[in-house]
Amino acid sequence: QVQLVESGGGLVQPGGSLRLSCAASGNIVWIKVKGWYRQAPGKERELVVGITSSGGTNFADSVKGRFSFSRDKDGNTVYLQMTSLKPEDTAVYYCNADINSGWGPYDYWGQGTQVTVSS
């Protein structure tokens, strides 16, 4: 069974850093990570970084210069490095990907990881 699992969230003080991971597991023929999203309490889910078809990144204005995206060599694990964190970055963070396990591509979301920025 294919899964996306985020990890790395937690409580951090303003100005601190966290690195989130998103790992895909299962019978994966190919994977296309589409982005990281976040959802704060009472707000709609918003895009943090979108990954283009060529592997480029488009960051939300609110996180530009503070967040970065990377992936491991096989592409099955991606990371969101977050620095200079602000209280307004508090949210549940999700990764999103198209994954083909041999039955055609499907849209997958992880369960999310909570990031809380507070002193």
C-alpha atoms as a PDB file:
ATOM      1  CA  GLN A   1       0.000   0.000   0.000  1.00  0.00           C
ATOM      2  CA  VAL A   2       1.372   3.372  -0.985  1.00  0.00           C
ATOM      3  CA  GLN A   3       1.716   5.953   1.746  1.00  0.00           C
ATOM      4  CA  LEU A   4       3.037   9.450   2.232  1.00  0.00           C
ATOM      5  CA  VAL A   5       4.213  10.148   5.753  1.00  0.00           C
ATOM      6  CA  GLU A   6       5.300  13.536   7.037  1.00  0.00           C
ATOM      7  CA  SER A   7       7.483  13.970  10.093  1.00  0.00           C
ATOM      8  CA  GLY A   8       9.679  16.521  11.782  1.00  0.00           C
ATOM      9  CA  GLY A   9       7.099  18.891  13.158  1.00  0.00           C
ATOM     10  CA  GLY A  10       7.105  20.182  16.691  1.00  0.00           C
ATOM     11  CA  LEU A  11       7.191  23.195  18.944  1.00  0.00           C
ATOM     12  CA  VAL A  12       9.819  25.794  18.164  1.00  0.00           C
ATOM     13  CA  GLN A  13      10.479  29.324  19.333  1.00  0.00           C
ATOM     14  CA  PRO A  14      10.183  32.266  16.957  1.00  0.00           C
ATOM     15  CA  GLY A  15      13.344  32.537  14.917  1.00  0.00           C
ATOM     16  CA  GLY A  16      13.996  28.830  15.154  1.00  0.00           C
ATOM     17  CA  SER A  17      14.267  26.174  12.483  1.00  0.00           C
ATOM     18  CA  LEU A  18      12.721  22.847  11.631  1.00  0.00           C
ATOM     19  CA  ARG A  19      13.171  20.362   8.841  1.00  0.00           C
ATOM     20  CA  LEU A  20      10.106  18.475   7.736  1.00  0.00           C
ATOM     21  CA  SER A  21      10.335  15.196   5.874  1.00  0.00           C
ATOM     22  CA  CYS A  22       7.847  13.510   3.599  1.00  0.00           C
ATOM     23  CA  ALA A  23       8.566   9.889   2.802  1.00  0.00           C
ATOM     24  CA  ALA A  24       6.758   7.797   0.239  1.00  0.00           C
ATOM     25  CA  SER A  25       6.617   4.045   0.765  1.00  0.00           C
ATOM     26  CA  GLY A  26       5.054   1.049  -0.865  1.00  0.00           C
ATOM     27  CA  ASN A  27       5.106  -0.237  -4.399  1.00  0.00           C
ATOM     28  CA  ILE A  28       6.124   2.934  -6.219  1.00  0.00           C
ATOM     29  CA  VAL A  29       6.647   2.886  -9.954  1.00  0.00           C
ATOM     30  CA  TRP A  30       7.090   6.629 -10.097  1.00  0.00           C
ATOM     31  CA  ILE A  31       6.361   9.612  -7.930  1.00  0.00           C
ATOM     32  CA  LYS A  32       5.871  13.262  -8.690  1.00  0.00           C
ATOM     33  CA  VAL A  33       5.891  15.445  -5.620  1.00  0.00           C
ATOM     34  CA  LYS A  34       3.648  18.403  -6.288  1.00  0.00           C
ATOM     35  CA  GLY A  35       4.248  20.480  -3.213  1.00  0.00           C
ATOM     36  CA  TRP A  36       4.023  21.227   0.473  1.00  0.00           C
ATOM     37  CA  TYR A  37       0.873  22.779   1.871  1.00  0.00           C
ATOM     38  CA  ARG A  38      -0.168  24.004   5.278  1.00  0.00           C
ATOM     39  CA  GLN A  39      -3.398  24.617   7.090  1.00  0.00           C
ATOM     40  CA  ALA A  40      -3.709  26.843  10.119  1.00  0.00           C
ATOM     41  CA  PRO A  41      -6.671  26.602  12.504  1.00  0.00           C
ATOM     42  CA  GLY A  42      -9.738  28.209  11.000  1.00  0.00           C
ATOM     43  CA  LYS A  43      -8.036  28.816   7.665  1.00  0.00           C
ATOM     44  CA  GLU A  44      -8.020  27.129   4.302  1.00  0.00           C
ATOM     45  CA  ARG A  45      -5.166  24.933   3.206  1.00  0.00           C
ATOM     46  CA  GLU A  46      -2.567  26.993   1.372  1.00  0.00           C
ATOM     47  CA  LEU A  47       0.363  26.220  -0.848  1.00  0.00           C
ATOM     48  CA  VAL A  48       3.784  26.648   0.758  1.00  0.00           C
ATOM     49  CA  VAL A  49       5.880  25.493  -2.183  1.00  0.00           C
ATOM     50  CA  GLY A  50       4.833  24.098  -5.520  1.00  0.00           C
ATOM     51  CA  ILE A  51       7.108  21.865  -7.533  1.00  0.00           C
ATOM     52  CA  THR A  52       7.064  22.435 -11.281  1.00  0.00           C
ATOM     53  CA  SER A  53       7.212  19.693 -13.900  1.00  0.00           C
ATOM     54  CA  SER A  54      10.880  20.516 -14.427  1.00  0.00           C
ATOM     55  CA  GLY A  55      11.635  20.239 -10.737  1.00  0.00           C
ATOM     56  CA  GLY A  56      11.676  23.943 -10.032  1.00  0.00           C
ATOM     57  CA  THR A  57      10.084  25.513  -6.988  1.00  0.00           C
ATOM     58  CA  ASN A  58       7.564  28.272  -6.467  1.00  0.00           C
ATOM     59  CA  PHE A  59       7.410  29.451  -2.891  1.00  0.00           C
ATOM     60  CA  ALA A  60       4.596  31.416  -1.335  1.00  0.00           C
ATOM     61  CA  ASP A  61       5.594  35.036  -0.777  1.00  0.00           C
ATOM     62  CA  SER A  62       5.154  34.571   2.950  1.00  0.00           C
ATOM     63  CA  VAL A  63       7.959  32.004   3.153  1.00  0.00           C
ATOM     64  CA  LYS A  64      10.348  33.115   0.401  1.00  0.00           C
ATOM     65  CA  GLY A  65      13.893  33.390   1.621  1.00  0.00           C
ATOM     66  CA  ARG A  66      13.114  31.407   4.782  1.00  0.00           C
ATOM     67  CA  PHE A  67      12.028  27.993   3.499  1.00  0.00           C
ATOM     68  CA  SER A  68      13.793  25.679   1.081  1.00  0.00           C
ATOM     69  CA  PHE A  69      12.949  22.408  -0.624  1.00  0.00           C
ATOM     70  CA  SER A  70      15.126  19.401  -1.293  1.00  0.00           C
ATOM     71  CA  ARG A  71      14.819  15.732  -2.054  1.00  0.00           C
ATOM     72  CA  ASP A  72      16.913  12.646  -1.640  1.00  0.00           C
ATOM     73  CA  LYS A  73      18.522  10.886  -4.598  1.00  0.00           C
ATOM     74  CA  ASP A  74      15.728   8.431  -5.289  1.00  0.00           C
ATOM     75  CA  GLY A  75      13.143  11.179  -4.991  1.00  0.00           C
ATOM     76  CA  ASN A  76      10.981   9.200  -2.585  1.00  0.00           C
ATOM     77  CA  THR A  77      11.747  11.487   0.346  1.00  0.00           C
ATOM     78  CA  VAL A  78      11.474  15.241   0.184  1.00  0.00           C
ATOM     79  CA  TYR A  79      12.239  17.871   2.751  1.00  0.00           C
ATOM     80  CA  LEU A  80      11.056  21.295   3.715  1.00  0.00           C
ATOM     81  CA  GLN A  81      13.730  23.242   5.570  1.00  0.00           C
ATOM     82  CA  MET A  82      12.164  26.059   7.533  1.00  0.00           C
ATOM     83  CA  THR A  83      14.212  28.831   9.109  1.00  0.00           C
ATOM     84  CA  SER A  84      13.449  32.118  10.834  1.00  0.00           C
ATOM     85  CA  LEU A  85      10.115  30.701  11.843  1.00  0.00           C
ATOM     86  CA  LYS A  86       7.313  33.042  12.822  1.00  0.00           C
ATOM     87  CA  PRO A  87       4.170  32.443  14.876  1.00  0.00           C
ATOM     88  CA  GLU A  88       2.143  32.797  11.671  1.00  0.00           C
ATOM     89  CA  ASP A  89       3.908  29.704  10.325  1.00  0.00           C
ATOM     90  CA  THR A  90       1.997  27.637  12.877  1.00  0.00           C
ATOM     91  CA  ALA A  91      -0.041  25.079  10.970  1.00  0.00           C
ATOM     92  CA  VAL A  92      -0.338  21.456  10.014  1.00  0.00           C
ATOM     93  CA  TYR A  93       1.991  20.827   7.096  1.00  0.00           C
ATOM     94  CA  TYR A  94       1.152  18.334   4.364  1.00  0.00           C
ATOM     95  CA  CYS A  95       2.946  17.003   1.338  1.00  0.00           C
ATOM     96  CA  ASN A  96       1.159  16.113  -1.866  1.00  0.00           C
ATOM     97  CA  ALA A  97       2.239  13.854  -4.691  1.00  0.00           C
ATOM     98  CA  ASP A  98       1.068  11.898  -7.662  1.00  0.00           C
ATOM     99  CA  ILE A  99       2.165   8.294  -7.260  1.00  0.00           C
ATOM    100  CA  ASN A 100       1.900   5.464  -9.725  1.00  0.00           C
ATOM    101  CA  SER A 101       2.009   2.051  -8.086  1.00  0.00           C
ATOM    102  CA  GLY A 102       1.292   0.249 -11.340  1.00  0.00           C
ATOM    103  CA  TRP A 103      -2.411   1.059 -11.513  1.00  0.00           C
ATOM    104  CA  GLY A 104      -2.084   4.562 -12.848  1.00  0.00           C
ATOM    105  CA  PRO A 105      -1.246   7.756 -11.006  1.00  0.00           C
ATOM    106  CA  TYR A 106      -3.263   8.767  -8.013  1.00  0.00           C
ATOM    107  CA  ASP A 107      -3.195  11.890  -5.889  1.00  0.00           C
ATOM    108  CA  TYR A 108      -1.829  11.257  -2.402  1.00  0.00           C
ATOM    109  CA  TRP A 109      -1.694  13.357   0.734  1.00  0.00           C
ATOM    110  CA  GLY A 110       0.116  12.608   3.945  1.00  0.00           C
ATOM    111  CA  GLN A 111      -1.514  12.792   7.347  1.00  0.00           C
ATOM    112  CA  GLY A 112       0.243  16.039   8.172  1.00  0.00           C
ATOM    113  CA  THR A 113       2.727  17.124  10.799  1.00  0.00           C
ATOM    114  CA  GLN A 114       2.032  19.892  13.300  1.00  0.00           C
ATOM    115  CA  VAL A 115       4.353  22.883  13.462  1.00  0.00           C
ATOM    116  CA  THR A 116       3.845  25.279  16.339  1.00  0.00           C
ATOM    117  CA  VAL A 117       5.899  28.450  16.588  1.00  0.00           C
ATOM    118  CA  SER A 118       5.545  30.009  20.008  1.00  0.00           C
ATOM    119  CA  SER A 119       7.595  31.417  22.826  1.00  0.00           C
END
